[in-house]
PDB file of all heavy atoms in Angstrom:
ATOM      1  N   PRO A   1     114.530 169.167  91.561  1.00  0.00           N
ATOM      2  CA  PRO A   1     114.133 170.536  91.907  1.00  0.00           C
ATOM      3  C   PRO A   1     112.712 170.588  92.473  1.00  0.00           C
ATOM      4  O   PRO A   1     111.889 169.715  92.200  1.00  0.00           O
ATOM      5  CB  PRO A   1     114.208 171.268  90.565  1.00  0.00           C
ATOM      6  CG  PRO A   1     113.950 170.212  89.552  1.00  0.00           C
ATOM      7  CD  PRO A   1     114.473 168.911  90.108  1.00  0.00           C
ATOM      8  N   PHE A   2     112.454 171.589  93.269  1.00  0.00           N
ATOM      9  CA  PHE A   2     111.096 171.873  93.716  1.00  0.00           C
ATOM     10  C   PHE A   2     110.958 173.376  93.908  1.00  0.00           C
ATOM     11  O   PHE A   2     111.954 174.102  93.952  1.00  0.00           O
ATOM     12  CB  PHE A   2     110.746 171.106  94.997  1.00  0.00           C
ATOM     13  CG  PHE A   2     111.526 171.498  96.215  1.00  0.00           C
ATOM     14  CD1 PHE A   2     111.062 172.492  97.079  1.00  0.00           C
ATOM     15  CD2 PHE A   2     112.733 170.870  96.525  1.00  0.00           C
ATOM     16  CE1 PHE A   2     111.786 172.854  98.210  1.00  0.00           C
ATOM     17  CE2 PHE A   2     113.456 171.219  97.658  1.00  0.00           C
ATOM     18  CZ  PHE A   2     112.979 172.216  98.499  1.00  0.00           C
ATOM     19  N   LEU A   3     109.727 173.832  93.997  1.00  0.00           N
ATOM     20  CA  LEU A   3     109.468 175.257  94.144  1.00  0.00           C
ATOM     21  C   LEU A   3     109.132 175.575  95.590  1.00  0.00           C
ATOM     22  O   LEU A   3     108.381 174.861  96.248  1.00  0.00           O
ATOM     23  CB  LEU A   3     108.320 175.695  93.224  1.00  0.00           C
ATOM     24  CG  LEU A   3     108.575 175.552  91.725  1.00  0.00           C
ATOM     25  CD1 LEU A   3     107.383 176.073  90.937  1.00  0.00           C
ATOM     26  CD2 LEU A   3     109.847 176.270  91.301  1.00  0.00           C
ATOM     27  N   GLU A   4     109.697 176.659  96.064  1.00  0.00           N
ATOM     28  CA  GLU A   4     109.490 177.093  97.445  1.00  0.00           C
ATOM     29  C   GLU A   4     109.073 178.556  97.440  1.00  0.00           C
ATOM     30  O   GLU A   4     109.589 179.351  96.644  1.00  0.00           O
ATOM     31  CB  GLU A   4     110.792 176.941  98.234  1.00  0.00           C
ATOM     32  CG  GLU A   4     110.674 177.226  99.711  1.00  0.00           C
ATOM     33  CD  GLU A   4     109.837 176.206 100.449  1.00  0.00           C
ATOM     34  OE1 GLU A   4     108.605 176.426 100.530  1.00  0.00           O
ATOM     35  OE2 GLU A   4     110.395 175.205 100.931  1.00  0.00           O
ATOM     36  N   LYS A   5     108.108 178.889  98.265  1.00  0.00           N
ATOM     37  CA  LYS A   5     107.666 180.277  98.361  1.00  0.00           C
ATOM     38  C   LYS A   5     108.270 180.897  99.615  1.00  0.00           C
ATOM     39  O   LYS A   5     108.006 180.452 100.736  1.00  0.00           O
ATOM     40  CB  LYS A   5     106.144 180.357  98.406  1.00  0.00           C
ATOM     41  CG  LYS A   5     105.605 181.732  98.062  1.00  0.00           C
ATOM     42  CD  LYS A   5     104.160 181.664  97.597  1.00  0.00           C
ATOM     43  CE  LYS A   5     103.727 183.022  97.043  1.00  0.00           C
ATOM     44  NZ  LYS A   5     102.364 182.967  96.489  1.00  0.00           N
ATOM     45  N   GLU A   6     109.103 181.894  99.396  1.00  0.00           N
ATOM     46  CA  GLU A   6     109.773 182.565 100.494  1.00  0.00           C
ATOM     47  C   GLU A   6     109.624 184.075 100.336  1.00  0.00           C
ATOM     48  O   GLU A   6     109.928 184.633  99.292  1.00  0.00           O
ATOM     49  CB  GLU A   6     111.260 182.196 100.527  1.00  0.00           C
ATOM     50  CG  GLU A   6     111.532 180.706 100.683  1.00  0.00           C
ATOM     51  CD  GLU A   6     113.012 180.396 100.681  1.00  0.00           C
ATOM     52  OE1 GLU A   6     113.706 180.910 101.577  1.00  0.00           O
ATOM     53  OE2 GLU A   6     113.466 179.660  99.800  1.00  0.00           O
ATOM     54  N   ARG A   7     109.114 184.717 101.385  1.00  0.00           N
ATOM     55  CA  ARG A   7     108.964 186.172 101.390  1.00  0.00           C
ATOM     56  C   ARG A   7     108.168 186.665 100.189  1.00  0.00           C
ATOM     57  O   ARG A   7     108.499 187.677  99.566  1.00  0.00           O
ATOM     58  CB  ARG A   7     110.330 186.856 101.438  1.00  0.00           C
ATOM     59  CG  ARG A   7     111.157 186.491 102.662  1.00  0.00           C
ATOM     60  CD  ARG A   7     112.533 187.118 102.618  1.00  0.00           C
ATOM     61  NE  ARG A   7     113.331 186.711 103.767  1.00  0.00           N
ATOM     62  CZ  ARG A   7     114.598 187.049 103.940  1.00  0.00           C
ATOM     63  NH1 ARG A   7     115.210 187.810 103.036  1.00  0.00           N
ATOM     64  NH2 ARG A   7     115.266 186.630 105.005  1.00  0.00           N
ATOM     65  N   GLY A   8     107.118 185.917  99.869  1.00  0.00           N
ATOM     66  CA  GLY A   8     106.235 186.318  98.782  1.00  0.00           C
ATOM     67  C   GLY A   8     106.752 186.021  97.398  1.00  0.00           C
ATOM     68  O   GLY A   8     106.088 186.344  96.405  1.00  0.00           O
ATOM     69  N   GLN A   9     107.925 185.395  97.287  1.00  0.00           N
ATOM     70  CA  GLN A   9     108.498 185.091  95.988  1.00  0.00           C
ATOM     71  C   GLN A   9     108.690 183.582  95.829  1.00  0.00           C
ATOM     72  O   GLN A   9     108.976 182.878  96.801  1.00  0.00           O
ATOM     73  CB  GLN A   9     109.838 185.795  95.798  1.00  0.00           C
ATOM     74  CG  GLN A   9     109.728 187.308  95.736  1.00  0.00           C
ATOM     75  CD  GLN A   9     111.065 187.962  95.429  1.00  0.00           C
ATOM     76  OE1 GLN A   9     112.120 187.375  95.635  1.00  0.00           O
ATOM     77  NE2 GLN A   9     111.025 189.183  94.926  1.00  0.00           N
ATOM     78  N   THR A  10     108.531 183.110  94.596  1.00  0.00           N
ATOM     79  CA  THR A  10     108.725 181.697  94.305  1.00  0.00           C
ATOM     80  C   THR A  10     110.180 181.447  93.956  1.00  0.00           C
ATOM     81  O   THR A  10     110.732 182.081  93.050  1.00  0.00           O
ATOM     82  CB  THR A  10     107.828 181.246  93.145  1.00  0.00           C
ATOM     83  OG1 THR A  10     106.466 181.469  93.484  1.00  0.00           O
ATOM     84  CG2 THR A  10     108.032 179.759  92.841  1.00  0.00           C
ATOM     85  N   GLN A  11     110.799 180.527  94.682  1.00  0.00           N
ATOM     86  CA  GLN A  11     112.211 180.210  94.492  1.00  0.00           C
ATOM     87  C   GLN A  11     112.358 178.749  94.080  1.00  0.00           C
ATOM     88  O   GLN A  11     111.583 177.890  94.501  1.00  0.00           O
ATOM     89  CB  GLN A  11     112.997 180.437  95.789  1.00  0.00           C
ATOM     90  CG  GLN A  11     112.848 181.817  96.383  1.00  0.00           C
ATOM     91  CD  GLN A  11     113.621 182.864  95.616  1.00  0.00           C
ATOM     92  OE1 GLN A  11     114.524 182.547  94.844  1.00  0.00           O
ATOM     93  NE2 GLN A  11     113.288 184.126  95.834  1.00  0.00           N
ATOM     94  N   ARG A  12     113.370 178.475  93.273  1.00  0.00           N
ATOM     95  CA  ARG A  12     113.696 177.098  92.903  1.00  0.00           C
ATOM     96  C   ARG A  12     114.708 176.560  93.899  1.00  0.00           C
ATOM     97  O   ARG A  12     115.770 177.124  94.071  1.00  0.00           O
ATOM     98  CB  ARG A  12     114.272 177.025  91.486  1.00  0.00           C
ATOM     99  CG  ARG A  12     114.578 175.603  90.993  1.00  0.00           C
ATOM    100  CD  ARG A  12     115.211 175.676  89.609  1.00  0.00           C
ATOM    101  NE  ARG A  12     115.378 174.372  88.988  1.00  0.00           N
ATOM    102  CZ  ARG A  12     116.418 173.573  89.148  1.00  0.00           C
ATOM    103  NH1 ARG A  12     117.415 173.947  89.942  1.00  0.00           N
ATOM    104  NH2 ARG A  12     116.499 172.414  88.522  1.00  0.00           N
ATOM    105  N   ARG A  13     114.354 175.483  94.588  1.00  0.00           N
ATOM    106  CA  ARG A  13     115.265 174.831  95.513  1.00  0.00           C
ATOM    107  C   ARG A  13     115.563 173.426  95.008  1.00  0.00           C
ATOM    108  O   ARG A  13     114.852 172.900  94.136  1.00  0.00           O
ATOM    109  CB  ARG A  13     114.670 174.768  96.925  1.00  0.00           C
ATOM    110  CG  ARG A  13     114.286 176.119  97.501  1.00  0.00           C
ATOM    111  CD  ARG A  13     115.473 177.069  97.603  1.00  0.00           C
ATOM    112  NE  ARG A  13     116.557 176.542  98.415  1.00  0.00           N
ATOM    113  CZ  ARG A  13     116.649 176.677  99.726  1.00  0.00           C
ATOM    114  NH1 ARG A  13     115.693 177.315 100.394  1.00  0.00           N
ATOM    115  NH2 ARG A  13     117.673 176.194 100.394  1.00  0.00           N
ATOM    116  N   GLU A  14     116.592 172.796  95.584  1.00  0.00           N
ATOM    117  CA  GLU A  14     117.025 171.502  95.057  1.00  0.00           C
ATOM    118  C   GLU A  14     117.256 170.460  96.153  1.00  0.00           C
ATOM    119  O   GLU A  14     117.669 170.791  97.262  1.00  0.00           O
ATOM    120  CB  GLU A  14     118.318 171.669  94.258  1.00  0.00           C
ATOM    121  CG  GLU A  14     118.140 172.440  92.964  1.00  0.00           C
ATOM    122  CD  GLU A  14     119.429 172.534  92.171  1.00  0.00           C
ATOM    123  OE1 GLU A  14     120.513 172.416  92.778  1.00  0.00           O
ATOM    124  OE2 GLU A  14     119.341 172.718  90.947  1.00  0.00           O
ATOM    125  N   VAL A  15     116.995 169.226  95.772  1.00  0.00           N
ATOM    126  CA  VAL A  15     117.406 168.060  96.535  1.00  0.00           C
ATOM    127  C   VAL A  15     118.582 167.439  95.789  1.00  0.00           C
ATOM    128  O   VAL A  15     118.465 167.126  94.593  1.00  0.00           O
ATOM    129  CB  VAL A  15     116.267 167.030  96.658  1.00  0.00           C
ATOM    130  CG1 VAL A  15     116.755 165.767  97.361  1.00  0.00           C
ATOM    131  CG2 VAL A  15     115.074 167.626  97.388  1.00  0.00           C
ATOM    132  N   LEU A  16     119.723 167.280  96.445  1.00  0.00           N
ATOM    133  CA  LEU A  16     120.904 166.693  95.824  1.00  0.00           C
ATOM    134  C   LEU A  16     120.984 165.212  96.188  1.00  0.00           C
ATOM    135  O   LEU A  16     120.762 164.841  97.341  1.00  0.00           O
ATOM    136  CB  LEU A  16     122.173 167.419  96.275  1.00  0.00           C
ATOM    137  CG  LEU A  16     122.227 168.923  95.990  1.00  0.00           C
ATOM    138  CD1 LEU A  16     123.573 169.494  96.418  1.00  0.00           C
ATOM    139  CD2 LEU A  16     121.969 169.216  94.514  1.00  0.00           C
ATOM    140  N   VAL A  17     121.312 164.386  95.205  1.00  0.00           N
ATOM    141  CA  VAL A  17     121.298 162.936  95.390  1.00  0.00           C
ATOM    142  C   VAL A  17     122.662 162.346  95.069  1.00  0.00           C
ATOM    143  O   VAL A  17     123.265 162.681  94.034  1.00  0.00           O
ATOM    144  CB  VAL A  17     120.236 162.269  94.496  1.00  0.00           C
ATOM    145  CG1 VAL A  17     120.148 160.774  94.798  1.00  0.00           C
ATOM    146  CG2 VAL A  17     118.871 162.931  94.675  1.00  0.00           C
ATOM    147  N   GLN A  18     123.132 161.483  95.948  1.00  0.00           N
ATOM    148  CA  GLN A  18     124.371 160.741  95.708  1.00  0.00           C
ATOM    149  C   GLN A  18     124.054 159.250  95.764  1.00  0.00           C
ATOM    150  O   GLN A  18     123.293 158.801  96.622  1.00  0.00           O
ATOM    151  CB  GLN A  18     125.426 161.094  96.758  1.00  0.00           C
ATOM    152  CG  GLN A  18     126.808 160.517  96.448  1.00  0.00           C
ATOM    153  CD  GLN A  18     127.844 161.006  97.451  1.00  0.00           C
ATOM    154  OE1 GLN A  18     127.868 160.566  98.586  1.00  0.00           O
ATOM    155  NE2 GLN A  18     128.704 161.923  97.021  1.00  0.00           N
ATOM    156  N   VAL A  19     124.638 158.488  94.838  1.00  0.00           N
ATOM    157  CA  VAL A  19     124.382 157.047  94.742  1.00  0.00           C
ATOM    158  C   VAL A  19     125.690 156.295  94.980  1.00  0.00           C
ATOM    159  O   VAL A  19     126.719 156.620  94.377  1.00  0.00           O
ATOM    160  CB  VAL A  19     123.809 156.663  93.358  1.00  0.00           C
ATOM    161  CG1 VAL A  19     123.564 155.158  93.279  1.00  0.00           C
ATOM    162  CG2 VAL A  19     122.523 157.431  93.081  1.00  0.00           C
ATOM    163  N   LYS A  20     125.638 155.280  95.848  1.00  0.00           N
ATOM    164  CA  LYS A  20     126.801 154.448  96.126  1.00  0.00           C
ATOM    165  C   LYS A  20     126.431 152.978  95.934  1.00  0.00           C
ATOM    166  O   LYS A  20     125.475 152.488  96.531  1.00  0.00           O
ATOM    167  CB  LYS A  20     127.307 154.660  97.557  1.00  0.00           C
ATOM    168  CG  LYS A  20     127.922 156.027  97.814  1.00  0.00           C
ATOM    169  CD  LYS A  20     129.270 156.176  97.125  1.00  0.00           C
ATOM    170  CE  LYS A  20     129.939 157.485  97.530  1.00  0.00           C
ATOM    171  NZ  LYS A  20     131.259 157.660  96.875  1.00  0.00           N
ATOM    172  N   GLY A  21     127.217 152.285  95.110  1.00  0.00           N
ATOM    173  CA  GLY A  21     126.962 150.877  94.872  1.00  0.00           C
ATOM    174  C   GLY A  21     127.942 149.955  95.571  1.00  0.00           C
ATOM    175  O   GLY A  21     127.822 148.734  95.477  1.00  0.00           O
ATOM    176  N   GLY A  22     128.896 150.532  96.293  1.00  0.00           N
ATOM    177  CA  GLY A  22     129.905 149.727  96.969  1.00  0.00           C
ATOM    178  C   GLY A  22     129.922 149.978  98.455  1.00  0.00           C
ATOM    179  O   GLY A  22     128.903 150.283  99.073  1.00  0.00           O
ATOM    180  N   HIS A  23     131.117 149.859  99.061  1.00  0.00           N
ATOM    181  CA  HIS A  23     131.279 150.040 100.501  1.00  0.00           C
ATOM    182  C   HIS A  23     130.942 151.472 100.897  1.00  0.00           C
ATOM    183  O   HIS A  23     131.300 152.431 100.212  1.00  0.00           O
ATOM    184  CB  HIS A  23     132.716 149.726 100.907  1.00  0.00           C
ATOM    185  CG  HIS A  23     133.009 149.978 102.349  1.00  0.00           C
ATOM    186  ND1 HIS A  23     132.496 149.197 103.356  1.00  0.00           N
ATOM    187  CD2 HIS A  23     133.739 150.958 102.954  1.00  0.00           C
ATOM    188  CE1 HIS A  23     132.906 149.658 104.516  1.00  0.00           C
ATOM    189  NE2 HIS A  23     133.667 150.732 104.308  1.00  0.00           N
ATOM    190  N   VAL A  24     130.221 151.628 102.014  1.00  0.00           N
ATOM    191  CA  VAL A  24     129.845 152.952 102.498  1.00  0.00           C
ATOM    192  C   VAL A  24     130.281 153.102 103.949  1.00  0.00           C
ATOM    193  O   VAL A  24     130.438 152.119 104.679  1.00  0.00           O
ATOM    194  CB  VAL A  24     128.326 153.177 102.377  1.00  0.00           C
ATOM    195  CG1 VAL A  24     127.911 153.269 100.916  1.00  0.00           C
ATOM    196  CG2 VAL A  24     127.536 152.064 103.076  1.00  0.00           C
ATOM    197  N   LYS A  25     130.459 154.364 104.355  1.00  0.00           N
ATOM    198  CA  LYS A  25     130.932 154.665 105.717  1.00  0.00           C
ATOM    199  C   LYS A  25     130.390 156.012 106.149  1.00  0.00           C
ATOM    200  O   LYS A  25     129.844 156.779 105.316  1.00  0.00           O
ATOM    201  CB  LYS A  25     132.456 154.649 105.752  1.00  0.00           C
ATOM    202  CG  LYS A  25     133.100 155.638 104.783  1.00  0.00           C
ATOM    203  CD  LYS A  25     134.583 155.438 104.713  1.00  0.00           C
ATOM    204  CE  LYS A  25     135.252 156.463 103.809  1.00  0.00           C
ATOM    205  NZ  LYS A  25     134.699 156.444 102.423  1.00  0.00           N
ATOM    206  N   SER A  26     130.555 156.326 107.429  1.00  0.00           N
ATOM    207  CA  SER A  26     130.008 157.568 107.979  1.00  0.00           C
ATOM    208  C   SER A  26     130.631 158.800 107.334  1.00  0.00           C
ATOM    209  O   SER A  26     129.993 159.849 107.208  1.00  0.00           O
ATOM    210  CB  SER A  26     130.208 157.610 109.498  1.00  0.00           C
ATOM    211  OG  SER A  26     131.587 157.511 109.827  1.00  0.00           O
ATOM    212  N   GLY A  27     131.885 158.679 106.885  1.00  0.00           N
ATOM    213  CA  GLY A  27     132.532 159.807 106.212  1.00  0.00           C
ATOM    214  C   GLY A  27     131.814 160.227 104.947  1.00  0.00           C
ATOM    215  O   GLY A  27     131.846 161.405 104.567  1.00  0.00           O
ATOM    216  N   ASP A  28     131.145 159.279 104.272  1.00  0.00           N
ATOM    217  CA  ASP A  28     130.379 159.618 103.070  1.00  0.00           C
ATOM    218  C   ASP A  28     129.237 160.571 103.410  1.00  0.00           C
ATOM    219  O   ASP A  28     128.928 161.485 102.636  1.00  0.00           O
ATOM    220  CB  ASP A  28     129.804 158.343 102.435  1.00  0.00           C
ATOM    221  CG  ASP A  28     130.885 157.406 101.933  1.00  0.00           C
ATOM    222  OD1 ASP A  28     131.941 157.897 101.480  1.00  0.00           O
ATOM    223  OD2 ASP A  28     130.681 156.177 101.996  1.00  0.00           O
ATOM    224  N   ILE A  29     128.610 160.347 104.550  1.00  0.00           N
ATOM    225  CA  ILE A  29     127.502 161.207 104.969  1.00  0.00           C
ATOM    226  C   ILE A  29     128.010 162.598 105.330  1.00  0.00           C
ATOM    227  O   ILE A  29     127.412 163.613 104.955  1.00  0.00           O
ATOM    228  CB  ILE A  29     126.743 160.582 106.151  1.00  0.00           C
ATOM    229  CG1 ILE A  29     126.257 159.176 105.790  1.00  0.00           C
ATOM    230  CG2 ILE A  29     125.579 161.460 106.559  1.00  0.00           C
ATOM    231  CD1 ILE A  29     125.355 159.114 104.592  1.00  0.00           C
ATOM    232  N   ARG A  30     129.130 162.654 106.042  1.00  0.00           N
ATOM    233  CA  ARG A  30     129.698 163.964 106.392  1.00  0.00           C
ATOM    234  C   ARG A  30     130.066 164.738 105.128  1.00  0.00           C
ATOM    235  O   ARG A  30     129.853 165.960 105.048  1.00  0.00           O
ATOM    236  CB  ARG A  30     130.921 163.786 107.284  1.00  0.00           C
ATOM    237  CG  ARG A  30     130.594 163.325 108.707  1.00  0.00           C
ATOM    238  CD  ARG A  30     131.791 163.485 109.631  1.00  0.00           C
ATOM    239  NE  ARG A  30     132.886 162.586 109.247  1.00  0.00           N
ATOM    240  CZ  ARG A  30     133.015 161.342 109.698  1.00  0.00           C
ATOM    241  NH1 ARG A  30     132.115 160.849 110.540  1.00  0.00           N
ATOM    242  NH2 ARG A  30     134.034 160.602 109.327  1.00  0.00           N
ATOM    243  N   ASP A  31     130.618 164.051 104.138  1.00  0.00           N
ATOM    244  CA  ASP A  31     130.975 164.714 102.884  1.00  0.00           C
ATOM    245  C   ASP A  31     129.733 165.258 102.179  1.00  0.00           C
ATOM    246  O   ASP A  31     129.757 166.367 101.620  1.00  0.00           O
ATOM    247  CB  ASP A  31     131.702 163.743 101.953  1.00  0.00           C
ATOM    248  CG  ASP A  31     133.096 163.392 102.456  1.00  0.00           C
ATOM    249  OD1 ASP A  31     133.615 164.121 103.326  1.00  0.00           O
ATOM    250  OD2 ASP A  31     133.663 162.375 101.984  1.00  0.00           O
ATOM    251  N   LEU A  32     128.657 164.480 102.188  1.00  0.00           N
ATOM    252  CA  LEU A  32     127.436 164.933 101.526  1.00  0.00           C
ATOM    253  C   LEU A  32     126.827 166.131 102.246  1.00  0.00           C
ATOM    254  O   LEU A  32     126.329 167.065 101.608  1.00  0.00           O
ATOM    255  CB  LEU A  32     126.422 163.786 101.445  1.00  0.00           C
ATOM    256  CG  LEU A  32     125.094 164.091 100.731  1.00  0.00           C
ATOM    257  CD1 LEU A  32     125.340 164.630  99.332  1.00  0.00           C
ATOM    258  CD2 LEU A  32     124.213 162.840 100.678  1.00  0.00           C
ATOM    259  N   VAL A  33     126.882 166.121 103.582  1.00  0.00           N
ATOM    260  CA  VAL A  33     126.403 167.276 104.347  1.00  0.00           C
ATOM    261  C   VAL A  33     127.190 168.529 103.954  1.00  0.00           C
ATOM    262  O   VAL A  33     126.623 169.611 103.753  1.00  0.00           O
ATOM    263  CB  VAL A  33     126.515 167.020 105.863  1.00  0.00           C
ATOM    264  CG1 VAL A  33     126.241 168.305 106.643  1.00  0.00           C
ATOM    265  CG2 VAL A  33     125.541 165.932 106.298  1.00  0.00           C
ATOM    266  N   GLY A  34     128.503 168.371 103.809  1.00  0.00           N
ATOM    267  CA  GLY A  34     129.323 169.496 103.393  1.00  0.00           C
ATOM    268  C   GLY A  34     128.959 169.999 102.011  1.00  0.00           C
ATOM    269  O   GLY A  34     128.934 171.208 101.753  1.00  0.00           O
TER     270      GLY A  34
END
């Protein structure tokens, strides 16, 4: 989490993390974007 100031108000925003220990492909990135 991190704090963001928008329109004079403090909002909680998030960074989402995915971990892969095996085979990876471009479809994994598209899924994470979704």
